[in-house]
Amino acid sequence: MNADALSLLLTRDMPYGKYKGHKLADLPGNYLAWMSREGFPRGELGALLALMYELDHNNLRGLLDPLRPSANARR
């Protein structure tokens, strides 16, 4: 895991499906779990979704909070 991948979770939108247009970091845990069971897509999107699933599954979503734009605006 690296900071670049974490920041991509906050800036990339889901390109298709029920949550099209939502930031990857904001996808619900049940959707990420479903994608994990069904199989993540290939490529960068799949890697980012797998990372987001691991963060959610291990209750580590808070790692993204300092990287969120609203957190940086307050500094």
PDB file of N, CA and C in Angstrom:
ATOM      1  N   MET A   1       0.851  -1.170   0.000  1.00  0.00           N
ATOM      2  CA  MET A   1       0.000   0.000   0.000  1.00  0.00           C
ATOM      3  C   MET A   1       0.897   1.233   0.000  1.00  0.00           C
ATOM      4  N   ASN A   2       0.534   2.217  -0.821  1.00  0.00           N
ATOM      5  CA  ASN A   2       1.305   3.456  -0.831  1.00  0.00           C
ATOM      6  C   ASN A   2       0.369   4.650  -0.822  1.00  0.00           C
ATOM      7  N   ALA A   3       0.916   5.812  -0.528  1.00  0.00           N
ATOM      8  CA  ALA A   3       0.100   7.025  -0.417  1.00  0.00           C
ATOM      9  C   ALA A   3      -0.573   7.375  -1.736  1.00  0.00           C
ATOM     10  N   ASP A   4       0.091   7.096  -2.850  1.00  0.00           N
ATOM     11  CA  ASP A   4      -0.513   7.396  -4.152  1.00  0.00           C
ATOM     12  C   ASP A   4      -1.785   6.580  -4.363  1.00  0.00           C
ATOM     13  N   ALA A   5      -1.739   5.312  -4.009  1.00  0.00           N
ATOM     14  CA  ALA A   5      -2.923   4.457  -4.159  1.00  0.00           C
ATOM     15  C   ALA A   5      -4.040   4.940  -3.237  1.00  0.00           C
ATOM     16  N   LEU A   6      -3.691   5.329  -2.026  1.00  0.00           N
ATOM     17  CA  LEU A   6      -4.709   5.829  -1.107  1.00  0.00           C
ATOM     18  C   LEU A   6      -5.343   7.106  -1.629  1.00  0.00           C
ATOM     19  N   SER A   7      -4.545   8.006  -2.186  1.00  0.00           N
ATOM     20  CA  SER A   7      -5.120   9.246  -2.713  1.00  0.00           C
ATOM     21  C   SER A   7      -5.972   8.986  -3.955  1.00  0.00           C
ATOM     22  N   LEU A   8      -5.628   7.963  -4.730  1.00  0.00           N
ATOM     23  CA  LEU A   8      -6.461   7.615  -5.885  1.00  0.00           C
ATOM     24  C   LEU A   8      -7.845   7.146  -5.447  1.00  0.00           C
ATOM     25  N   LEU A   9      -7.931   6.482  -4.307  1.00  0.00           N
ATOM     26  CA  LEU A   9      -9.236   6.053  -3.805  1.00  0.00           C
ATOM     27  C   LEU A   9     -10.159   7.237  -3.557  1.00  0.00           C
ATOM     28  N   LEU A  10      -9.565   8.383  -3.230  1.00  0.00           N
ATOM     29  CA  LEU A  10     -10.348   9.581  -2.926  1.00  0.00           C
ATOM     30  C   LEU A  10     -10.691  10.404  -4.160  1.00  0.00           C
ATOM     31  N   THR A  11     -10.000  10.153  -5.265  1.00  0.00           N
ATOM     32  CA  THR A  11     -10.221  10.977  -6.452  1.00  0.00           C
ATOM     33  C   THR A  11     -10.881  10.235  -7.611  1.00  0.00           C
ATOM     34  N   ARG A  12     -10.746   8.921  -7.648  1.00  0.00           N
ATOM     35  CA  ARG A  12     -11.314   8.138  -8.752  1.00  0.00           C
ATOM     36  C   ARG A  12     -12.779   7.840  -8.515  1.00  0.00           C
ATOM     37  N   ASP A  13     -13.544   7.969  -9.591  1.00  0.00           N
ATOM     38  CA  ASP A  13     -14.960   7.623  -9.544  1.00  0.00           C
ATOM     39  C   ASP A  13     -15.165   6.209 -10.041  1.00  0.00           C
ATOM     40  N   MET A  14     -16.178   5.545  -9.486  1.00  0.00           N
ATOM     41  CA  MET A  14     -16.576   4.231  -9.986  1.00  0.00           C
ATOM     42  C   MET A  14     -17.140   4.453 -11.387  1.00  0.00           C
ATOM     43  N   PRO A  15     -16.593   3.772 -12.405  1.00  0.00           N
ATOM     44  CA  PRO A  15     -16.980   4.077 -13.783  1.00  0.00           C
ATOM     45  C   PRO A  15     -18.274   3.409 -14.255  1.00  0.00           C
ATOM     46  N   TYR A  16     -18.818   2.470 -13.499  1.00  0.00           N
ATOM     47  CA  TYR A  16     -20.017   1.761 -13.962  1.00  0.00           C
ATOM     48  C   TYR A  16     -20.763   1.163 -12.776  1.00  0.00           C
ATOM     49  N   GLY A  17     -21.929   0.627 -13.057  1.00  0.00           N
ATOM     50  CA  GLY A  17     -22.695  -0.099 -12.056  1.00  0.00           C
ATOM     51  C   GLY A  17     -23.558   0.786 -11.183  1.00  0.00           C
ATOM     52  N   LYS A  18     -24.070   0.169 -10.147  1.00  0.00           N
ATOM     53  CA  LYS A  18     -24.998   0.815  -9.220  1.00  0.00           C
ATOM     54  C   LYS A  18     -24.415   2.089  -8.608  1.00  0.00           C
ATOM     55  N   TYR A  19     -23.126   2.102  -8.381  1.00  0.00           N
ATOM     56  CA  TYR A  19     -22.479   3.240  -7.723  1.00  0.00           C
ATOM     57  C   TYR A  19     -21.638   4.073  -8.694  1.00  0.00           C
ATOM     58  N   LYS A  20     -22.009   4.072  -9.946  1.00  0.00           N
ATOM     59  CA  LYS A  20     -21.311   4.871 -10.958  1.00  0.00           C
ATOM     60  C   LYS A  20     -21.278   6.336 -10.501  1.00  0.00           C
ATOM     61  N   GLY A  21     -20.085   6.930 -10.574  1.00  0.00           N
ATOM     62  CA  GLY A  21     -19.920   8.328 -10.193  1.00  0.00           C
ATOM     63  C   GLY A  21     -19.536   8.543  -8.738  1.00  0.00           C
ATOM     64  N   HIS A  22     -19.646   7.529  -7.898  1.00  0.00           N
ATOM     65  CA  HIS A  22     -19.234   7.640  -6.499  1.00  0.00           C
ATOM     66  C   HIS A  22     -17.713   7.454  -6.409  1.00  0.00           C
ATOM     67  N   LYS A  23     -17.093   8.159  -5.495  1.00  0.00           N
ATOM     68  CA  LYS A  23     -15.665   7.967  -5.251  1.00  0.00           C
ATOM     69  C   LYS A  23     -15.432   6.557  -4.723  1.00  0.00           C
ATOM     70  N   LEU A  24     -14.330   5.942  -5.129  1.00  0.00           N
ATOM     71  CA  LEU A  24     -14.039   4.584  -4.689  1.00  0.00           C
ATOM     72  C   LEU A  24     -13.979   4.499  -3.161  1.00  0.00           C
ATOM     73  N   ALA A  25     -13.479   5.535  -2.524  1.00  0.00           N
ATOM     74  CA  ALA A  25     -13.376   5.547  -1.063  1.00  0.00           C
ATOM     75  C   ALA A  25     -14.741   5.593  -0.386  1.00  0.00           C
ATOM     76  N   ASP A  26     -15.779   5.969  -1.128  1.00  0.00           N
ATOM     77  CA  ASP A  26     -17.112   6.102  -0.546  1.00  0.00           C
ATOM     78  C   ASP A  26     -18.033   4.936  -0.879  1.00  0.00           C
ATOM     79  N   LEU A  27     -17.507   3.917  -1.536  1.00  0.00           N
ATOM     80  CA  LEU A  27     -18.330   2.745  -1.848  1.00  0.00           C
ATOM     81  C   LEU A  27     -18.662   2.006  -0.558  1.00  0.00           C
ATOM     82  N   PRO A  28     -19.905   1.528  -0.430  1.00  0.00           N
ATOM     83  CA  PRO A  28     -20.273   0.820   0.803  1.00  0.00           C
ATOM     84  C   PRO A  28     -19.587  -0.539   0.921  1.00  0.00           C
ATOM     85  N   GLY A  29     -19.378  -0.954   2.155  1.00  0.00           N
ATOM     86  CA  GLY A  29     -18.693  -2.205   2.434  1.00  0.00           C
ATOM     87  C   GLY A  29     -19.376  -3.416   1.834  1.00  0.00           C
ATOM     88  N   ASN A  30     -20.709  -3.433   1.848  1.00  0.00           N
ATOM     89  CA  ASN A  30     -21.399  -4.600   1.292  1.00  0.00           C
ATOM     90  C   ASN A  30     -21.183  -4.719  -0.217  1.00  0.00           C
ATOM     91  N   TYR A  31     -21.064  -3.591  -0.909  1.00  0.00           N
ATOM     92  CA  TYR A  31     -20.788  -3.615  -2.347  1.00  0.00           C
ATOM     93  C   TYR A  31     -19.361  -4.110  -2.603  1.00  0.00           C
ATOM     94  N   LEU A  32     -18.425  -3.644  -1.802  1.00  0.00           N
ATOM     95  CA  LEU A  32     -17.038  -4.094  -1.944  1.00  0.00           C
ATOM     96  C   LEU A  32     -16.919  -5.586  -1.654  1.00  0.00           C
ATOM     97  N   ALA A  33     -17.648  -6.069  -0.649  1.00  0.00           N
ATOM     98  CA  ALA A  33     -17.628  -7.500  -0.330  1.00  0.00           C
ATOM     99  C   ALA A  33     -18.220  -8.312  -1.478  1.00  0.00           C
ATOM    100  N   TRP A  34     -19.299  -7.804  -2.068  1.00  0.00           N
ATOM    101  CA  TRP A  34     -19.906  -8.485  -3.215  1.00  0.00           C
ATOM    102  C   TRP A  34     -18.914  -8.552  -4.373  1.00  0.00           C
ATOM    103  N   MET A  35     -18.237  -7.435  -4.639  1.00  0.00           N
ATOM    104  CA  MET A  35     -17.259  -7.420  -5.725  1.00  0.00           C
ATOM    105  C   MET A  35     -16.118  -8.396  -5.435  1.00  0.00           C
ATOM    106  N   SER A  36     -15.732  -8.507  -4.177  1.00  0.00           N
ATOM    107  CA  SER A  36     -14.681  -9.445  -3.809  1.00  0.00           C
ATOM    108  C   SER A  36     -15.109 -10.881  -4.109  1.00  0.00           C
ATOM    109  N   ARG A  37     -16.339 -11.201  -3.781  1.00  0.00           N
ATOM    110  CA  ARG A  37     -16.848 -12.557  -4.042  1.00  0.00           C
ATOM    111  C   ARG A  37     -16.973 -12.833  -5.539  1.00  0.00           C
ATOM    112  N   GLU A  38     -17.420 -11.840  -6.295  1.00  0.00           N
ATOM    113  CA  GLU A  38     -17.630 -11.997  -7.740  1.00  0.00           C
ATOM    114  C   GLU A  38     -16.324 -11.933  -8.530  1.00  0.00           C
ATOM    115  N   GLY A  39     -15.356 -11.245  -7.976  1.00  0.00           N
ATOM    116  CA  GLY A  39     -14.067 -11.055  -8.651  1.00  0.00           C
ATOM    117  C   GLY A  39     -13.897  -9.611  -9.079  1.00  0.00           C
ATOM    118  N   PHE A  40     -12.815  -9.013  -8.646  1.00  0.00           N
ATOM    119  CA  PHE A  40     -12.535  -7.626  -9.018  1.00  0.00           C
ATOM    120  C   PHE A  40     -12.152  -7.568 -10.490  1.00  0.00           C
ATOM    121  N   PRO A  41     -12.436  -6.449 -11.150  1.00  0.00           N
ATOM    122  CA  PRO A  41     -12.012  -6.309 -12.548  1.00  0.00           C
ATOM    123  C   PRO A  41     -10.484  -6.280 -12.649  1.00  0.00           C
ATOM    124  N   ARG A  42      -9.991  -6.510 -13.824  1.00  0.00           N
ATOM    125  CA  ARG A  42      -8.542  -6.475 -14.050  1.00  0.00           C
ATOM    126  C   ARG A  42      -8.041  -5.033 -14.068  1.00  0.00           C
ATOM    127  N   GLY A  43      -6.762  -4.913 -13.896  1.00  0.00           N
ATOM    128  CA  GLY A  43      -6.111  -3.617 -14.039  1.00  0.00           C
ATOM    129  C   GLY A  43      -6.141  -2.768 -12.779  1.00  0.00           C
ATOM    130  N   GLU A  44      -5.886  -1.482 -13.002  1.00  0.00           N
ATOM    131  CA  GLU A  44      -5.771  -0.550 -11.890  1.00  0.00           C
ATOM    132  C   GLU A  44      -7.063  -0.441 -11.090  1.00  0.00           C
ATOM    133  N   LEU A  45      -8.203  -0.412 -11.773  1.00  0.00           N
ATOM    134  CA  LEU A  45      -9.480  -0.313 -11.069  1.00  0.00           C
ATOM    135  C   LEU A  45      -9.654  -1.483 -10.111  1.00  0.00           C
ATOM    136  N   GLY A  46      -9.382  -2.675 -10.563  1.00  0.00           N
ATOM    137  CA  GLY A  46      -9.502  -3.847  -9.707  1.00  0.00           C
ATOM    138  C   GLY A  46      -8.572  -3.792  -8.509  1.00  0.00           C
ATOM    139  N   ALA A  47      -7.350  -3.327  -8.731  1.00  0.00           N
ATOM    140  CA  ALA A  47      -6.389  -3.205  -7.632  1.00  0.00           C
ATOM    141  C   ALA A  47      -6.869  -2.183  -6.606  1.00  0.00           C
ATOM    142  N   LEU A  48      -7.421  -1.069  -7.080  1.00  0.00           N
ATOM    143  CA  LEU A  48      -7.925  -0.052  -6.163  1.00  0.00           C
ATOM    144  C   LEU A  48      -9.146  -0.548  -5.395  1.00  0.00           C
ATOM    145  N   LEU A  49     -10.029  -1.259  -6.081  1.00  0.00           N
ATOM    146  CA  LEU A  49     -11.204  -1.809  -5.397  1.00  0.00           C
ATOM    147  C   LEU A  49     -10.792  -2.852  -4.360  1.00  0.00           C
ATOM    148  N   ALA A  50      -9.806  -3.669  -4.686  1.00  0.00           N
ATOM    149  CA  ALA A  50      -9.312  -4.663  -3.733  1.00  0.00           C
ATOM    150  C   ALA A  50      -8.696  -3.967  -2.516  1.00  0.00           C
ATOM    151  N   LEU A  51      -7.965  -2.897  -2.742  1.00  0.00           N
ATOM    152  CA  LEU A  51      -7.383  -2.138  -1.640  1.00  0.00           C
ATOM    153  C   LEU A  51      -8.490  -1.552  -0.766  1.00  0.00           C
ATOM    154  N   MET A  52      -9.507  -0.968  -1.395  1.00  0.00           N
ATOM    155  CA  MET A  52     -10.605  -0.376  -0.636  1.00  0.00           C
ATOM    156  C   MET A  52     -11.353  -1.440   0.145  1.00  0.00           C
ATOM    157  N   TYR A  53     -11.506  -2.618  -0.445  1.00  0.00           N
ATOM    158  CA  TYR A  53     -12.151  -3.727   0.275  1.00  0.00           C
ATOM    159  C   TYR A  53     -11.344  -4.096   1.513  1.00  0.00           C
ATOM    160  N   GLU A  54     -10.031  -4.192   1.383  1.00  0.00           N
ATOM    161  CA  GLU A  54      -9.183  -4.538   2.534  1.00  0.00           C
ATOM    162  C   GLU A  54      -9.268  -3.477   3.623  1.00  0.00           C
ATOM    163  N   LEU A  55      -9.273  -2.210   3.222  1.00  0.00           N
ATOM    164  CA  LEU A  55      -9.399  -1.136   4.211  1.00  0.00           C
ATOM    165  C   LEU A  55     -10.735  -1.238   4.944  1.00  0.00           C
ATOM    166  N   ASP A  56     -11.794  -1.473   4.190  1.00  0.00           N
ATOM    167  CA  ASP A  56     -13.121  -1.574   4.804  1.00  0.00           C
ATOM    168  C   ASP A  56     -13.221  -2.815   5.687  1.00  0.00           C
ATOM    169  N   HIS A  57     -12.796  -3.931   5.169  1.00  0.00           N
ATOM    170  CA  HIS A  57     -12.912  -5.207   5.877  1.00  0.00           C
ATOM    171  C   HIS A  57     -12.130  -5.200   7.189  1.00  0.00           C
ATOM    172  N   ASN A  58     -11.020  -4.510   7.215  1.00  0.00           N
ATOM    173  CA  ASN A  58     -10.168  -4.449   8.406  1.00  0.00           C
ATOM    174  C   ASN A  58     -10.397  -3.184   9.234  1.00  0.00           C
ATOM    175  N   ASN A  59     -11.501  -2.506   8.949  1.00  0.00           N
ATOM    176  CA  ASN A  59     -11.887  -1.304   9.696  1.00  0.00           C
ATOM    177  C   ASN A  59     -10.785  -0.239   9.689  1.00  0.00           C
ATOM    178  N   LEU A  60     -10.206  -0.016   8.505  1.00  0.00           N
ATOM    179  CA  LEU A  60      -9.111   0.951   8.365  1.00  0.00           C
ATOM    180  C   LEU A  60      -9.481   2.127   7.467  1.00  0.00           C
ATOM    181  N   ARG A  61     -10.756   2.373   7.252  1.00  0.00           N
ATOM    182  CA  ARG A  61     -11.164   3.510   6.420  1.00  0.00           C
ATOM    183  C   ARG A  61     -10.624   4.828   6.973  1.00  0.00           C
ATOM    184  N   GLY A  62     -10.408   4.887   8.254  1.00  0.00           N
ATOM    185  CA  GLY A  62      -9.887   6.103   8.879  1.00  0.00           C
ATOM    186  C   GLY A  62      -8.522   6.532   8.350  1.00  0.00           C
ATOM    187  N   LEU A  63      -7.784   5.600   7.750  1.00  0.00           N
ATOM    188  CA  LEU A  63      -6.494   5.968   7.153  1.00  0.00           C
ATOM    189  C   LEU A  63      -6.654   6.993   6.039  1.00  0.00           C
ATOM    190  N   LEU A  64      -7.844   7.049   5.447  1.00  0.00           N
ATOM    191  CA  LEU A  64      -8.085   7.979   4.346  1.00  0.00           C
ATOM    192  C   LEU A  64      -8.443   9.382   4.827  1.00  0.00           C
ATOM    193  N   ASP A  65      -8.887   9.504   6.063  1.00  0.00           N
ATOM    194  CA  ASP A  65      -9.368  10.803   6.558  1.00  0.00           C
ATOM    195  C   ASP A  65      -8.356  11.937   6.428  1.00  0.00           C
ATOM    196  N   PRO A  66      -7.092  11.750   6.796  1.00  0.00           N
ATOM    197  CA  PRO A  66      -6.141  12.862   6.653  1.00  0.00           C
ATOM    198  C   PRO A  66      -5.885  13.264   5.188  1.00  0.00           C
ATOM    199  N   LEU A  67      -6.203  12.365   4.259  1.00  0.00           N
ATOM    200  CA  LEU A  67      -5.967  12.647   2.845  1.00  0.00           C
ATOM    201  C   LEU A  67      -7.159  13.303   2.157  1.00  0.00           C
ATOM    202  N   ARG A  68      -8.293  13.317   2.821  1.00  0.00           N
ATOM    203  CA  ARG A  68      -9.499  13.892   2.214  1.00  0.00           C
ATOM    204  C   ARG A  68      -9.317  15.392   2.020  1.00  0.00           C
ATOM    205  N   PRO A  69      -9.818  15.916   0.908  1.00  0.00           N
ATOM    206  CA  PRO A  69      -9.660  17.352   0.631  1.00  0.00           C
ATOM    207  C   PRO A  69     -10.196  18.250   1.735  1.00  0.00           C
ATOM    208  N   SER A  70     -11.299  17.915   2.362  1.00  0.00           N
ATOM    209  CA  SER A  70     -11.859  18.761   3.411  1.00  0.00           C
ATOM    210  C   SER A  70     -10.932  18.837   4.620  1.00  0.00           C
ATOM    211  N   ALA A  71     -10.214  17.764   4.912  1.00  0.00           N
ATOM    212  CA  ALA A  71      -9.263  17.758   6.027  1.00  0.00           C
ATOM    213  C   ALA A  71      -8.082  18.676   5.731  1.00  0.00           C
ATOM    214  N   ASN A  72      -7.636  18.684   4.466  1.00  0.00           N
ATOM    215  CA  ASN A  72      -6.502  19.526   4.089  1.00  0.00           C
ATOM    216  C   ASN A  72      -6.891  20.998   4.051  1.00  0.00           C
ATOM    217  N   ALA A  73      -8.149  21.308   3.768  1.00  0.00           N
ATOM    218  CA  ALA A  73      -8.581  22.694   3.680  1.00  0.00           C
ATOM    219  C   ALA A  73      -8.585  23.372   5.050  1.00  0.00           C
ATOM    220  N   ARG A  74      -8.749  22.596   6.113  1.00  0.00           N
ATOM    221  CA  ARG A  74      -8.783  23.147   7.466  1.00  0.00           C
ATOM    222  C   ARG A  74      -7.401  23.475   8.007  1.00  0.00           C
ATOM    223  N   ARG A  75      -6.375  22.983   7.356  1.00  0.00           N
ATOM    224  CA  ARG A  75      -5.010  23.196   7.866  1.00  0.00           C
ATOM    225  C   ARG A  75      -4.479  24.549   7.506  1.00  0.00           C
TER     226      ARG A  75
END
